[in-house]
Amino acid sequence: MRFEFHPEALALEEYLQATSWYTERDPSIALAFVESFEDAIQRILDAPKRWRIIDEDIRRCLTRVFSYAIL
């Protein structure tokens, strides 16, 4: 299954900024962040209705290690 960010979503820009921030501090932590983010996307793709609805048709999935959510 494929995914894409909604054009009005800020998630991609926020993700890129967070990745850059972690990279500046420690590249190994940046890699862990990217892996955690990709894992969350895969979990969403595997079971898209599993995640709690937070507003009408919007669901939220948290990454497992970092305090970051994908809406």
C-alpha atoms as a PDB file:
ATOM      1  CA  MET A   1       0.000   0.000   0.000  1.00  0.00           C
ATOM      2  CA  ARG A   2       1.205   3.513  -0.690  1.00  0.00           C
ATOM      3  CA  PHE A   3       0.701   6.678   1.313  1.00  0.00           C
ATOM      4  CA  GLU A   4       1.077  10.384   0.833  1.00  0.00           C
ATOM      5  CA  PHE A   5       0.767  13.445   3.004  1.00  0.00           C
ATOM      6  CA  HIS A   6      -2.319  15.582   2.478  1.00  0.00           C
ATOM      7  CA  PRO A   7      -1.278  18.837   0.723  1.00  0.00           C
ATOM      8  CA  GLU A   8      -2.540  20.919   3.641  1.00  0.00           C
ATOM      9  CA  ALA A   9      -0.805  18.779   6.254  1.00  0.00           C
ATOM     10  CA  LEU A  10       2.155  20.221   8.090  1.00  0.00           C
ATOM     11  CA  ALA A  11       3.423  16.755   9.006  1.00  0.00           C
ATOM     12  CA  LEU A  12       6.017  16.488   6.238  1.00  0.00           C
ATOM     13  CA  GLU A  13       7.562  19.882   6.996  1.00  0.00           C
ATOM     14  CA  GLU A  14       7.559  19.170  10.733  1.00  0.00           C
ATOM     15  CA  TYR A  15       9.118  15.754  10.109  1.00  0.00           C
ATOM     16  CA  LEU A  16      11.904  17.274   8.004  1.00  0.00           C
ATOM     17  CA  GLN A  17      12.565  19.954  10.621  1.00  0.00           C
ATOM     18  CA  ALA A  18      12.669  17.382  13.431  1.00  0.00           C
ATOM     19  CA  THR A  19      14.996  15.142  11.425  1.00  0.00           C
ATOM     20  CA  SER A  20      17.319  18.080  10.791  1.00  0.00           C
ATOM     21  CA  TRP A  21      17.255  19.042  14.482  1.00  0.00           C
ATOM     22  CA  TYR A  22      18.185  15.503  15.582  1.00  0.00           C
ATOM     23  CA  THR A  23      20.881  15.262  12.874  1.00  0.00           C
ATOM     24  CA  GLU A  24      22.565  18.435  14.155  1.00  0.00           C
ATOM     25  CA  ARG A  25      22.744  16.931  17.637  1.00  0.00           C
ATOM     26  CA  ASP A  26      23.506  13.280  16.952  1.00  0.00           C
ATOM     27  CA  PRO A  27      23.175  11.469  13.595  1.00  0.00           C
ATOM     28  CA  SER A  28      22.504   8.135  15.317  1.00  0.00           C
ATOM     29  CA  ILE A  29      19.513   9.628  17.134  1.00  0.00           C
ATOM     30  CA  ALA A  30      18.317  11.123  13.841  1.00  0.00           C
ATOM     31  CA  LEU A  31      18.457   7.642  12.301  1.00  0.00           C
ATOM     32  CA  ALA A  32      16.454   6.230  15.231  1.00  0.00           C
ATOM     33  CA  PHE A  33      13.895   9.011  14.751  1.00  0.00           C
ATOM     34  CA  VAL A  34      13.530   8.236  11.031  1.00  0.00           C
ATOM     35  CA  GLU A  35      13.154   4.514  11.778  1.00  0.00           C
ATOM     36  CA  SER A  36      10.541   5.250  14.452  1.00  0.00           C
ATOM     37  CA  PHE A  37       8.618   7.494  12.052  1.00  0.00           C
ATOM     38  CA  GLU A  38       8.729   4.895   9.270  1.00  0.00           C
ATOM     39  CA  ASP A  39       7.581   2.211  11.723  1.00  0.00           C
ATOM     40  CA  ALA A  40       4.576   4.368  12.672  1.00  0.00           C
ATOM     41  CA  ILE A  41       3.684   4.843   9.001  1.00  0.00           C
ATOM     42  CA  GLN A  42       3.902   1.086   8.442  1.00  0.00           C
ATOM     43  CA  ARG A  43       1.648   0.436  11.458  1.00  0.00           C
ATOM     44  CA  ILE A  44      -0.873   2.894  10.027  1.00  0.00           C
ATOM     45  CA  LEU A  45      -0.742   1.171   6.634  1.00  0.00           C
ATOM     46  CA  ASP A  46      -1.158  -2.247   8.258  1.00  0.00           C
ATOM     47  CA  ALA A  47      -4.268  -1.227  10.241  1.00  0.00           C
ATOM     48  CA  PRO A  48      -5.503   2.268   9.328  1.00  0.00           C
ATOM     49  CA  LYS A  49      -8.657   2.087  11.479  1.00  0.00           C
ATOM     50  CA  ARG A  50      -6.784   0.921  14.555  1.00  0.00           C
ATOM     51  CA  TRP A  51      -5.915   4.428  15.706  1.00  0.00           C
ATOM     52  CA  ARG A  52      -8.117   6.539  17.948  1.00  0.00           C
ATOM     53  CA  ILE A  53     -10.246   9.176  16.216  1.00  0.00           C
ATOM     54  CA  ILE A  54      -9.382  12.632  17.504  1.00  0.00           C
ATOM     55  CA  ASP A  55     -11.599  14.737  15.205  1.00  0.00           C
ATOM     56  CA  GLU A  56     -14.175  13.580  12.647  1.00  0.00           C
ATOM     57  CA  ASP A  57     -12.040  11.559  10.190  1.00  0.00           C
ATOM     58  CA  ILE A  58      -8.644  12.308  11.752  1.00  0.00           C
ATOM     59  CA  ARG A  59      -6.785   9.615  13.662  1.00  0.00           C
ATOM     60  CA  ARG A  60      -3.540   9.862  15.628  1.00  0.00           C
ATOM     61  CA  CYS A  61      -0.658   7.408  15.795  1.00  0.00           C
ATOM     62  CA  LEU A  62       2.236   8.055  18.164  1.00  0.00           C
ATOM     63  CA  THR A  63       5.762   6.978  17.427  1.00  0.00           C
ATOM     64  CA  ARG A  64       7.046   4.419  19.900  1.00  0.00           C
ATOM     65  CA  VAL A  65      10.221   6.105  21.100  1.00  0.00           C
ATOM     66  CA  PHE A  66       9.929   9.803  20.333  1.00  0.00           C
ATOM     67  CA  SER A  67       7.147  12.120  21.471  1.00  0.00           C
ATOM     68  CA  TYR A  68       5.890  12.639  17.949  1.00  0.00           C
ATOM     69  CA  ALA A  69       2.455  11.979  16.485  1.00  0.00           C
ATOM     70  CA  ILE A  70       1.275  11.384  12.952  1.00  0.00           C
ATOM     71  CA  LEU A  71      -2.202  12.754  12.352  1.00  0.00           C
END
